[in-house]
Amino acid sequence: MLIKVSVPVTNQALGLARIDSIDVEVGQQLRSGARLVDFTLGADIVQTHDCPPVTTYRVTSRERGWVRRIDAAPDDMVEQGAAVMLVSSEPDEPLDGAESRSARVSVAAILAPLDW
């Protein structure tokens, strides 16, 4: 089964998501709780004289599988809801089929120091 991992839609008013880190590699076996991606919202709408509405998030896996493709890199700006990687339930599953579903993930806001 092919499973899509997307940047969660948390607050569309905060604009695009900046990918801060991709914490897995193609071919890696995932376990439940594995760190997948960190992203920041609001970085594209920061204005120089206002307090920026910036929020950073971490996405972790709630299931097992194998990372088969990564479609984003650190510093990429992507739409909220955009797919950032493809995971399969078997290590050698063909990638020519459609995704069966979205990945089960946990999302948590993380505290990161702001550069002022």
C-alpha atoms as a PDB file:
ATOM      1  CA  MET A   1       0.000   0.000   0.000  1.00  0.00           C
ATOM      2  CA  LEU A   2       1.314   3.461  -0.915  1.00  0.00           C
ATOM      3  CA  ILE A   3       0.849   6.129   1.750  1.00  0.00           C
ATOM      4  CA  LYS A   4       1.238   9.875   1.238  1.00  0.00           C
ATOM      5  CA  VAL A   5       2.850  12.046   3.943  1.00  0.00           C
ATOM      6  CA  SER A   6       1.693  15.665   3.659  1.00  0.00           C
ATOM      7  CA  VAL A   7       2.357  18.930   5.448  1.00  0.00           C
ATOM      8  CA  PRO A   8      -0.733  19.219   7.676  1.00  0.00           C
ATOM      9  CA  VAL A   9      -3.094  22.144   7.146  1.00  0.00           C
ATOM     10  CA  THR A  10      -3.039  23.901  10.500  1.00  0.00           C
ATOM     11  CA  ASN A  11      -3.776  27.562   9.744  1.00  0.00           C
ATOM     12  CA  GLN A  12      -4.145  28.682   6.135  1.00  0.00           C
ATOM     13  CA  ALA A  13      -3.933  32.333   7.227  1.00  0.00           C
ATOM     14  CA  LEU A  14      -0.242  31.698   7.962  1.00  0.00           C
ATOM     15  CA  GLY A  15       0.514  31.012   4.296  1.00  0.00           C
ATOM     16  CA  LEU A  16       3.117  28.642   2.947  1.00  0.00           C
ATOM     17  CA  ALA A  17       5.075  26.112   4.971  1.00  0.00           C
ATOM     18  CA  ARG A  18       8.868  26.329   5.020  1.00  0.00           C
ATOM     19  CA  ILE A  19      10.434  22.883   5.322  1.00  0.00           C
ATOM     20  CA  ASP A  20      13.010  23.094   8.126  1.00  0.00           C
ATOM     21  CA  SER A  21      14.206  19.494   8.102  1.00  0.00           C
ATOM     22  CA  ILE A  22      13.490  16.114   6.544  1.00  0.00           C
ATOM     23  CA  ASP A  23      14.453  13.581   9.183  1.00  0.00           C
ATOM     24  CA  VAL A  24      14.326  10.362   7.143  1.00  0.00           C
ATOM     25  CA  GLU A  25      16.058   8.957   4.052  1.00  0.00           C
ATOM     26  CA  VAL A  26      14.780   7.013   1.066  1.00  0.00           C
ATOM     27  CA  GLY A  27      14.836   3.302   1.901  1.00  0.00           C
ATOM     28  CA  GLN A  28      14.650   3.858   5.653  1.00  0.00           C
ATOM     29  CA  GLN A  29      12.260   1.659   7.612  1.00  0.00           C
ATOM     30  CA  LEU A  30       9.867   3.715   9.732  1.00  0.00           C
ATOM     31  CA  ARG A  31       8.729   2.802  13.184  1.00  0.00           C
ATOM     32  CA  SER A  32       5.835   4.350  15.039  1.00  0.00           C
ATOM     33  CA  GLY A  33       7.031   7.620  16.577  1.00  0.00           C
ATOM     34  CA  ALA A  34       9.712   8.278  13.952  1.00  0.00           C
ATOM     35  CA  ARG A  35      10.394  11.950  13.309  1.00  0.00           C
ATOM     36  CA  LEU A  36       9.502  12.762   9.679  1.00  0.00           C
ATOM     37  CA  VAL A  37       9.601  16.494   9.010  1.00  0.00           C
ATOM     38  CA  ASP A  38       9.776  19.852  10.806  1.00  0.00           C
ATOM     39  CA  PHE A  39       8.144  22.862   9.159  1.00  0.00           C
ATOM     40  CA  THR A  40       7.414  26.497   9.956  1.00  0.00           C
ATOM     41  CA  LEU A  41       4.321  28.466   9.042  1.00  0.00           C
ATOM     42  CA  GLY A  42       4.215  32.215   8.627  1.00  0.00           C
ATOM     43  CA  ALA A  43       7.797  32.665   7.452  1.00  0.00           C
ATOM     44  CA  ASP A  44       6.555  33.932   4.061  1.00  0.00           C
ATOM     45  CA  ILE A  45       4.367  36.690   5.560  1.00  0.00           C
ATOM     46  CA  VAL A  46       6.730  38.136   8.165  1.00  0.00           C
ATOM     47  CA  GLN A  47       6.855  41.913   7.986  1.00  0.00           C
ATOM     48  CA  THR A  48       9.873  43.816   9.220  1.00  0.00           C
ATOM     49  CA  HIS A  49       8.099  46.007  11.787  1.00  0.00           C
ATOM     50  CA  ASP A  50       5.476  43.638  13.160  1.00  0.00           C
ATOM     51  CA  CYS A  51       5.724  40.618  15.398  1.00  0.00           C
ATOM     52  CA  PRO A  52       5.765  37.640  13.028  1.00  0.00           C
ATOM     53  CA  PRO A  53       3.008  35.029  13.374  1.00  0.00           C
ATOM     54  CA  VAL A  54       5.531  32.193  13.102  1.00  0.00           C
ATOM     55  CA  THR A  55       4.786  28.693  14.347  1.00  0.00           C
ATOM     56  CA  THR A  56       7.055  25.654  14.000  1.00  0.00           C
ATOM     57  CA  TYR A  57       5.708  22.093  13.935  1.00  0.00           C
ATOM     58  CA  ARG A  58       7.086  18.553  14.050  1.00  0.00           C
ATOM     59  CA  VAL A  59       5.391  15.657  12.235  1.00  0.00           C
ATOM     60  CA  THR A  60       5.992  12.112  13.519  1.00  0.00           C
ATOM     61  CA  SER A  61       4.783   8.804  12.130  1.00  0.00           C
ATOM     62  CA  ARG A  62       2.083   6.785  13.846  1.00  0.00           C
ATOM     63  CA  GLU A  63       2.684   3.728  11.708  1.00  0.00           C
ATOM     64  CA  ARG A  64       5.340   1.496  10.232  1.00  0.00           C
ATOM     65  CA  GLY A  65       6.516   1.436   6.645  1.00  0.00           C
ATOM     66  CA  TRP A  66       9.401   2.237   4.308  1.00  0.00           C
ATOM     67  CA  VAL A  67      10.289   5.668   2.945  1.00  0.00           C
ATOM     68  CA  ARG A  68      10.194   5.300  -0.835  1.00  0.00           C
ATOM     69  CA  ARG A  69      10.331   8.861  -2.157  1.00  0.00           C
ATOM     70  CA  ILE A  70      11.001  12.325  -0.711  1.00  0.00           C
ATOM     71  CA  ASP A  71       9.467  15.251  -2.592  1.00  0.00           C
ATOM     72  CA  ALA A  72      10.722  18.199  -0.508  1.00  0.00           C
ATOM     73  CA  ALA A  73      13.992  19.511   0.869  1.00  0.00           C
ATOM     74  CA  PRO A  74      14.984  21.879   3.677  1.00  0.00           C
ATOM     75  CA  ASP A  75      14.184  25.529   2.851  1.00  0.00           C
ATOM     76  CA  ASP A  76      11.514  24.583   0.282  1.00  0.00           C
ATOM     77  CA  MET A  77       8.321  26.651   0.533  1.00  0.00           C
ATOM     78  CA  VAL A  78       5.278  24.415  -0.012  1.00  0.00           C
ATOM     79  CA  GLU A  79       1.524  24.748   0.258  1.00  0.00           C
ATOM     80  CA  GLN A  80      -0.078  23.432   3.418  1.00  0.00           C
ATOM     81  CA  GLY A  81      -1.449  19.996   2.511  1.00  0.00           C
ATOM     82  CA  ALA A  82       1.303  19.321  -0.060  1.00  0.00           C
ATOM     83  CA  ALA A  83       2.788  15.831  -0.187  1.00  0.00           C
ATOM     84  CA  VAL A  84       6.392  15.729   1.045  1.00  0.00           C
ATOM     85  CA  MET A  85       7.090  11.997   0.896  1.00  0.00           C
ATOM     86  CA  LEU A  86       5.726   8.630  -0.117  1.00  0.00           C
ATOM     87  CA  VAL A  87       5.814   5.622   2.209  1.00  0.00           C
ATOM     88  CA  SER A  88       4.948   2.017   1.388  1.00  0.00           C
ATOM     89  CA  SER A  89       3.783  -0.820   3.592  1.00  0.00           C
ATOM     90  CA  GLU A  90       6.299  -3.188   1.914  1.00  0.00           C
ATOM     91  CA  PRO A  91       9.945  -2.353   1.118  1.00  0.00           C
ATOM     92  CA  ASP A  92       9.763  -3.370  -2.547  1.00  0.00           C
ATOM     93  CA  GLU A  93       6.244  -2.302  -3.481  1.00  0.00           C
ATOM     94  CA  PRO A  94       5.954  -0.821  -7.011  1.00  0.00           C
ATOM     95  CA  LEU A  95       5.597   2.970  -7.014  1.00  0.00           C
ATOM     96  CA  ASP A  96       3.487   3.217 -10.163  1.00  0.00           C
ATOM     97  CA  GLY A  97       0.143   2.969  -8.355  1.00  0.00           C
ATOM     98  CA  ALA A  98      -1.891   5.694  -6.698  1.00  0.00           C
ATOM     99  CA  GLU A  99      -1.592   6.479  -3.000  1.00  0.00           C
ATOM    100  CA  SER A 100      -4.130   4.495  -0.985  1.00  0.00           C
ATOM    101  CA  ARG A 101      -4.429   7.033   1.786  1.00  0.00           C
ATOM    102  CA  SER A 102      -2.727   9.704   3.825  1.00  0.00           C
ATOM    103  CA  ALA A 103      -0.291   8.678   6.528  1.00  0.00           C
ATOM    104  CA  ARG A 104      -1.340   8.547  10.146  1.00  0.00           C
ATOM    105  CA  VAL A 105       0.822  11.138  11.851  1.00  0.00           C
ATOM    106  CA  SER A 106       1.079  13.163  15.024  1.00  0.00           C
ATOM    107  CA  VAL A 107       1.685  16.894  14.789  1.00  0.00           C
ATOM    108  CA  ALA A 108       3.056  19.022  17.615  1.00  0.00           C
ATOM    109  CA  ALA A 109       3.990  22.685  17.796  1.00  0.00           C
ATOM    110  CA  ILE A 110       7.586  23.025  18.909  1.00  0.00           C
ATOM    111  CA  LEU A 111       9.234  25.970  20.575  1.00  0.00           C
ATOM    112  CA  ALA A 112      12.078  27.410  18.562  1.00  0.00           C
ATOM    113  CA  PRO A 113      13.959  30.599  19.371  1.00  0.00           C
ATOM    114  CA  LEU A 114      13.140  33.426  16.970  1.00  0.00           C
ATOM    115  CA  ASP A 115      15.883  35.435  15.338  1.00  0.00           C
ATOM    116  CA  TRP A 116      15.126  39.091  15.988  1.00  0.00           C
END
